[in-house]
């Protein structure tokens, strides 16, 4: 197969502001995705109608009929629902590769994604794409800002370089540092969150790592400070209800810091995600700073020419306050 003939798809389970989903779809179609699978965690999500005109997009409302089709009733845990949907998309796609990611994660391709995937040797079943996490407080658009790459030296070294708040991160990131993986289709694999799993208990998955200059996953972990607080509050709420997956150590520490002083939500965000000049200099010194010219505006205008798509932080926060007020108020948010 010629390099540029290699096809790929992307799948996400969403319960997000429609503008974010539109940006996600438009961006990946503009990169050459052959298929985009959007599973709506809320069956009445309006994005279903917003995406209806795009033939390369498959929108699946996650109603009871859907859950029964993929095996059983609706799983309580969000991560389990994500995995089950990703496995459904893996079975349905006609593409050569598929990427499972969240709606706040966008592929950045230093070269054609199809070409990069076409270069992968046939025995490789998963191409791991390294992650970079967005920093700062967005101004005009939720996609403003530069990115931080994970620091892969020992934790002690990270703490010495970046200070005690490094312990509230994993390798300097507030989210995950594993990245996500393109999974080769048609193999005996099961989709999961970050990497696929073999169908056989004693099986192994052959994984290669993408060159960061070819493919990188841009993670907008906290579209706004309010949205970042919402995600943490959701985790705290799930823990209180004995629901959800056990959090990683750094997420647990972030949650504990938020619980200890819920009125200083912005302060916590700024400590962890708004580096000062000295820290930026360190990030650049260790090649942990990335500033790609990411802007999905042209792609959105191309794929949604007749739809108004508001990417301002204010619009995202307004959506959260309308749709997620119960979680936002769990820690006495205003």
Protein backbone atom coordinates (compact mmCIF):
# COMPACT_ATOMS: atom_id res chain seq x y z
CA UNK A 1 0.00 0.00 0.00
CA UNK A 2 1.35 3.42 -0.91
CA UNK A 3 2.08 5.64 2.07
CA UNK A 4 -0.55 8.24 1.26
CA UNK A 5 -3.16 5.56 0.58
CA UNK A 6 -3.17 4.48 4.23
CA UNK A 7 -6.52 5.33 5.79
CA UNK A 8 -7.31 6.19 9.39
CA UNK A 9 -10.28 6.90 11.60
CA UNK A 10 -10.85 8.51 14.98
CA UNK A 11 -13.42 7.71 17.68
CA UNK A 12 -14.57 9.70 20.71
CA UNK A 13 -17.36 9.45 23.26
CA UNK A 14 -18.67 12.94 23.91
CA UNK A 15 -20.72 14.93 26.38
CA UNK A 16 -19.18 18.27 25.59
CA UNK A 17 -20.02 21.78 24.38
CA UNK A 18 -21.11 21.34 20.74
CA UNK A 19 -18.49 23.82 19.54
CA UNK A 20 -15.72 21.59 20.85
CA UNK A 21 -17.14 18.54 19.07
CA UNK A 22 -17.50 20.51 15.83
CA UNK A 23 -13.87 21.62 16.10
CA UNK A 24 -12.76 18.05 16.84
CA UNK A 25 -14.59 16.66 13.82
CA UNK A 26 -13.56 19.43 11.44
CA UNK A 27 -9.91 19.31 12.44
CA UNK A 28 -9.52 15.58 11.98
CA UNK A 29 -11.41 15.57 8.69
CA UNK A 30 -9.10 18.35 7.50
CA UNK A 31 -6.10 16.14 8.37
CA UNK A 32 -7.50 13.40 6.17
CA UNK A 33 -9.50 11.15 8.51
CA UNK A 34 -11.53 8.71 6.43
CA UNK A 35 -14.07 8.21 9.21
CA UNK A 36 -14.95 9.98 12.44
CA UNK A 37 -17.07 8.11 14.99
CA UNK A 38 -18.88 10.25 17.56
CA UNK A 39 -20.70 8.41 20.34
CA UNK A 40 -23.10 10.75 22.16
CA UNK A 41 -23.13 9.84 25.84
CA UNK A 42 -26.39 11.77 26.10
CA UNK A 43 -28.71 10.33 23.42
CA UNK A 44 -30.40 13.72 22.92
CA UNK A 45 -27.12 15.56 22.29
CA UNK A 46 -27.73 18.26 19.63
CA UNK A 47 -24.44 17.50 17.88
CA UNK A 48 -26.23 14.64 16.15
CA UNK A 49 -28.10 17.12 13.98
CA UNK A 50 -25.11 19.43 13.62
CA UNK A 51 -23.02 16.63 12.10
CA UNK A 52 -25.75 15.03 9.98
CA UNK A 53 -24.53 16.54 6.69
CA UNK A 54 -21.05 15.00 6.96
CA UNK A 55 -20.99 11.61 5.24
CA UNK A 56 -17.62 10.66 6.75
CA UNK A 57 -19.00 11.07 10.27
CA UNK A 58 -20.92 8.34 12.08
CA UNK A 59 -22.91 9.64 15.03
CA UNK A 60 -24.18 7.04 17.49
CA UNK A 61 -26.68 8.09 20.19
CA UNK A 62 -25.87 6.01 23.27
CA UNK A 63 -29.43 5.06 24.13
CA UNK A 64 -30.54 1.80 25.70
CA UNK A 65 -30.83 0.13 22.29
CA UNK A 66 -27.19 0.98 21.59
CA UNK A 67 -25.96 -0.47 24.87
CA UNK A 68 -27.94 -3.65 24.36
CA UNK A 69 -26.51 -3.93 20.84
CA UNK A 70 -22.94 -3.76 22.12
CA UNK A 71 -23.52 -6.25 24.88
CA UNK A 72 -25.53 -5.15 27.92
CA UNK A 73 -27.18 -2.22 29.69
CA UNK A 74 -25.46 1.16 30.05
CA UNK A 75 -22.26 0.88 32.09
CA UNK A 76 -22.18 3.11 35.14
CA UNK A 77 -18.56 4.13 34.72
CA UNK A 78 -17.69 6.64 32.01
CA UNK A 79 -14.39 4.94 31.16
CA UNK A 80 -16.15 1.63 30.58
CA UNK A 81 -18.61 3.33 28.24
CA UNK A 82 -15.70 4.90 26.33
CA UNK A 83 -13.95 1.56 25.89
CA UNK A 84 -17.11 -0.24 24.81
CA UNK A 85 -17.78 2.44 22.20
CA UNK A 86 -14.20 2.34 20.95
CA UNK A 87 -14.46 -1.42 20.49
CA UNK A 88 -17.69 -0.96 18.57
CA UNK A 89 -16.00 1.55 16.26
CA UNK A 90 -13.04 -0.79 15.80
CA UNK A 91 -15.42 -3.48 14.59
CA UNK A 92 -17.26 -1.09 12.26
CA UNK A 93 -14.50 0.95 10.67
CA UNK A 94 -13.21 0.29 7.17
CA UNK A 95 -10.02 2.25 7.81
CA UNK A 96 -6.53 0.76 8.19
CA UNK A 97 -5.95 2.42 11.57
CA UNK A 98 -8.14 3.95 14.28
CA UNK A 99 -7.36 6.37 17.10
CA UNK A 100 -9.38 6.46 20.31
CA UNK A 101 -9.16 9.82 22.06
CA UNK A 102 -11.20 12.44 23.87
CA UNK A 103 -12.87 15.45 22.28
CA UNK A 104 -10.28 17.76 23.86
CA UNK A 105 -7.42 15.90 22.15
CA UNK A 106 -6.31 16.83 18.64
CA UNK A 107 -3.70 15.25 16.41
CA UNK A 108 -0.96 17.59 15.27
CA UNK A 109 0.70 16.27 12.12
CA UNK A 110 4.11 17.58 11.17
CA UNK A 111 3.64 15.56 7.99
CA UNK A 112 0.69 13.76 6.43
CA UNK A 113 -0.87 11.45 9.03
CA UNK A 114 -1.57 8.90 6.28
CA UNK A 115 2.07 9.00 5.22
CA UNK A 116 3.30 8.63 8.81
CA UNK A 117 1.04 5.61 9.35
CA UNK A 118 2.01 4.17 5.98
CA UNK A 119 5.65 4.15 7.09
CA UNK A 120 4.91 1.86 10.04
CA UNK A 121 6.18 -1.68 9.58
CA UNK A 122 3.54 -4.36 9.14
CA UNK A 123 4.23 -6.14 12.43
CA UNK A 124 3.48 -3.01 14.49
CA UNK A 125 -0.08 -3.08 15.83
CA UNK A 126 -0.14 0.21 17.74
CA UNK A 127 1.58 3.51 16.99
CA UNK A 128 1.82 5.45 20.25
CA UNK A 129 1.44 9.19 19.74
CA UNK A 130 3.19 11.34 22.38
CA UNK A 131 1.17 13.98 24.18
CA UNK A 132 1.68 17.68 24.85
CA UNK A 133 -0.62 19.49 27.28
CA UNK A 134 -1.88 23.03 26.76
CA UNK A 135 -0.76 25.68 29.24
CA UNK A 136 -2.08 29.09 30.29
CA UNK A 137 -5.47 30.76 30.47
CA UNK A 138 -7.09 31.04 27.03
CA UNK A 139 -8.07 34.52 25.94
CA UNK A 140 -9.99 34.83 22.67
CA UNK A 141 -10.29 31.11 21.87
CA UNK A 142 -10.27 27.93 23.92
CA UNK A 143 -7.41 26.82 21.65
CA UNK A 144 -5.04 29.65 22.60
CA UNK A 145 -1.73 28.79 24.21
CA UNK A 146 1.48 26.79 24.04
CA UNK A 147 2.04 23.21 25.23
CA UNK A 148 4.11 21.30 27.74
CA UNK A 149 5.62 17.89 27.02
CA UNK A 150 6.15 15.28 29.76
CA UNK A 151 9.43 15.26 31.68
CA UNK A 152 10.64 11.66 31.64
CA UNK A 153 13.44 11.91 34.18
CA UNK A 154 13.03 10.66 37.80
CA UNK A 155 10.40 12.36 39.95
CA UNK A 156 13.09 13.61 42.34
CA UNK A 157 14.75 15.47 39.47
CA UNK A 158 11.44 16.96 38.38
CA UNK A 159 10.71 18.17 41.89
CA UNK A 160 14.15 19.77 42.15
CA UNK A 161 13.72 21.57 38.83
CA UNK A 162 10.05 22.57 38.99
CA UNK A 163 9.30 22.82 42.69
CA UNK A 164 6.93 21.05 45.14
CA UNK A 165 3.82 21.43 42.94
CA UNK A 166 5.46 18.91 40.61
CA UNK A 167 4.00 16.28 42.96
CA UNK A 168 0.51 17.38 41.87
CA UNK A 169 1.36 16.40 38.30
CA UNK A 170 2.56 13.35 36.46
CA UNK A 171 5.78 14.19 34.68
CA UNK A 172 4.77 17.83 34.80
CA UNK A 173 1.31 17.35 33.26
CA UNK A 174 -1.98 17.65 35.12
CA UNK A 175 -3.55 15.02 32.85
CA UNK A 176 -2.03 11.89 31.35
CA UNK A 177 1.46 11.52 29.91
CA UNK A 178 0.93 8.25 28.01
CA UNK A 179 -0.47 9.81 24.87
CA UNK A 180 -2.90 7.79 22.77
CA UNK A 181 -2.39 5.09 20.18
CA UNK A 182 -3.33 4.55 16.57
CA UNK A 183 -4.45 0.90 16.44
CA UNK A 184 -4.06 -1.20 13.32
CA UNK A 185 -7.45 -2.57 12.29
CA UNK A 186 -8.26 -6.18 11.51
CA UNK A 187 -6.01 -7.61 14.21
CA UNK A 188 -6.86 -9.68 17.29
CA UNK A 189 -6.98 -6.64 19.54
CA UNK A 190 -9.36 -4.95 21.95
CA UNK A 191 -9.52 -1.18 22.12
CA UNK A 192 -8.90 0.48 25.47
CA UNK A 193 -8.19 4.04 26.69
CA UNK A 194 -4.52 4.58 25.81
CA UNK A 195 -3.34 1.33 24.19
CA UNK A 196 -5.10 -1.74 22.79
CA UNK A 197 -5.06 -5.08 24.55
CA UNK A 198 -4.56 -8.52 23.00
CA UNK A 199 -7.56 -10.80 22.77
CA UNK A 200 -5.50 -13.70 24.08
CA UNK A 201 -4.58 -13.64 27.78
CA UNK A 202 -0.94 -14.46 27.04
CA UNK A 203 -0.76 -12.27 23.93
CA UNK A 204 1.32 -9.16 23.39
CA UNK A 205 0.74 -5.98 21.39
CA UNK A 206 3.58 -4.78 19.20
CA UNK A 207 3.90 -1.05 19.88
CA UNK A 208 6.06 1.57 18.17
CA UNK A 209 6.38 5.23 19.20
CA UNK A 210 5.67 8.00 16.73
CA UNK A 211 8.32 10.63 16.11
CA UNK A 212 7.15 13.75 17.94
CA UNK A 213 7.99 15.79 14.83
CA UNK A 214 5.62 13.65 12.75
CA UNK A 215 2.64 13.13 15.07
CA UNK A 216 1.77 14.64 18.44
CA UNK A 217 -1.42 14.64 20.51
CA UNK A 218 -2.38 18.13 21.63
CA UNK A 219 -4.35 17.80 24.86
CA UNK A 220 -6.45 20.80 25.86
CA UNK A 221 -6.65 19.54 29.43
CA UNK A 222 -8.82 22.25 30.86
CA UNK A 223 -10.39 24.20 28.02
CA UNK A 224 -10.86 26.98 30.59
CA UNK A 225 -10.09 27.18 34.31
CA UNK A 226 -13.79 26.57 34.99
CA UNK A 227 -13.79 23.47 32.79
CA UNK A 228 -10.64 22.15 34.50
CA UNK A 229 -12.29 22.67 37.89
CA UNK A 230 -15.40 20.92 36.59
CA UNK A 231 -13.38 17.84 35.65
CA UNK A 232 -11.77 17.72 39.08
CA UNK A 233 -15.11 18.32 40.80
CA UNK A 234 -16.64 15.50 38.75
CA UNK A 235 -13.92 13.18 40.01
CA UNK A 236 -14.43 14.28 43.62
CA UNK A 237 -18.19 13.79 43.21
CA UNK A 238 -17.63 10.31 41.77
CA UNK A 239 -15.37 9.39 44.68
CA UNK A 240 -17.98 10.59 47.15
CA UNK A 241 -20.59 8.46 45.38
CA UNK A 242 -18.15 5.50 45.20
CA UNK A 243 -18.42 5.66 41.44
CA UNK A 244 -15.91 5.97 38.63
CA UNK A 245 -12.44 4.56 38.18
CA UNK A 246 -9.90 5.02 41.00
CA UNK A 247 -7.91 8.17 40.17
CA UNK A 248 -4.17 8.22 39.64
CA UNK A 249 -2.03 9.53 42.50
CA UNK A 250 -1.48 12.95 40.98
CA UNK A 251 -5.18 13.38 40.21
CA UNK A 252 -6.02 12.40 43.77
CA UNK A 253 -3.57 15.03 45.05
CA UNK A 254 -5.13 17.67 42.79
CA UNK A 255 -8.56 16.74 44.12
CA UNK A 256 -7.32 16.92 47.72
CA UNK A 257 -5.88 20.38 47.04
CA UNK A 258 -9.20 21.51 45.58
CA UNK A 259 -11.15 20.12 48.54
CA UNK A 260 -8.76 21.80 51.00
CA UNK A 261 -9.45 25.22 49.51
CA UNK A 262 -12.39 25.17 47.07
CA UNK A 263 -12.45 28.97 46.98
CA UNK A 264 -8.97 29.07 45.43
CA UNK A 265 -9.80 27.15 42.28
CA UNK A 266 -8.17 29.67 39.98
CA UNK A 267 -5.08 29.78 42.17
CA UNK A 268 -4.62 26.03 41.88
CA UNK A 269 -5.07 26.19 38.11
CA UNK A 270 -2.51 28.97 37.82
CA UNK A 271 0.02 27.14 39.99
CA UNK A 272 -0.14 24.01 37.85
CA UNK A 273 -0.86 25.34 34.38
CA UNK A 274 0.51 28.89 34.13
CA UNK A 275 4.32 28.71 34.26
CA UNK A 276 6.37 31.79 35.04
CA UNK A 277 9.22 32.98 32.83
CA UNK A 278 11.82 30.93 34.68
CA UNK A 279 9.78 27.74 34.25
CA UNK A 280 9.19 28.46 30.57
CA UNK A 281 12.95 28.82 30.16
CA UNK A 282 13.44 25.43 31.82
CA UNK A 283 10.83 23.82 29.60
CA UNK A 284 12.55 25.19 26.51
CA UNK A 285 15.95 24.07 27.79
CA UNK A 286 14.75 20.48 28.12
CA UNK A 287 12.74 20.54 24.87
CA UNK A 288 9.49 20.29 26.80
CA UNK A 289 7.93 23.40 25.24
CA UNK A 290 5.84 23.15 22.07
CA UNK A 291 4.11 26.01 20.30
CA UNK A 292 2.54 24.68 17.10
CA UNK A 293 0.32 27.11 15.14
CA UNK A 294 -2.82 25.14 15.97
CA UNK A 295 -6.01 26.82 14.75
CA UNK A 296 -9.09 24.84 13.66
CA UNK A 297 -10.97 27.94 12.46
CA UNK A 298 -10.48 27.33 8.73
CA UNK A 299 -11.48 23.68 9.06
CA UNK A 300 -14.62 24.64 11.00
CA UNK A 301 -15.59 27.20 8.39
CA UNK A 302 -15.09 24.60 5.66
CA UNK A 303 -17.13 21.81 7.24
CA UNK A 304 -19.72 23.99 9.01
CA UNK A 305 -20.15 26.98 6.69
CA UNK A 306 -23.73 27.66 7.77
CA UNK A 307 -23.31 27.11 11.50
CA UNK A 308 -22.15 29.60 14.12
CA UNK A 309 -19.41 28.00 16.21
CA UNK A 310 -18.44 29.98 19.31
CA UNK A 311 -14.97 29.00 20.59
CA UNK A 312 -14.67 31.72 23.21
CA UNK A 313 -13.91 30.64 26.79
CA UNK A 314 -17.02 32.51 27.91
CA UNK A 315 -19.24 30.35 25.69
CA UNK A 316 -17.73 27.13 27.04
CA UNK A 317 -18.15 28.27 30.64
CA UNK A 318 -21.75 29.29 29.98
CA UNK A 319 -22.50 25.83 28.58
CA UNK A 320 -20.97 24.20 31.65
CA UNK A 321 -23.02 26.33 34.01
CA UNK A 322 -26.20 25.47 32.11
CA UNK A 323 -25.58 21.77 31.63
CA UNK A 324 -23.32 20.75 34.52
CA UNK A 325 -24.46 22.98 37.37
CA UNK A 326 -24.89 20.07 39.81
CA UNK A 327 -21.26 18.98 39.54
CA UNK A 328 -19.93 22.54 39.47
CA UNK A 329 -21.83 23.30 42.70
CA UNK A 330 -20.58 20.15 44.45
CA UNK A 331 -17.64 22.05 45.95
CA UNK A 332 -19.70 25.23 46.46
CA UNK A 333 -18.66 26.75 43.13
CA UNK A 334 -20.29 30.02 42.19
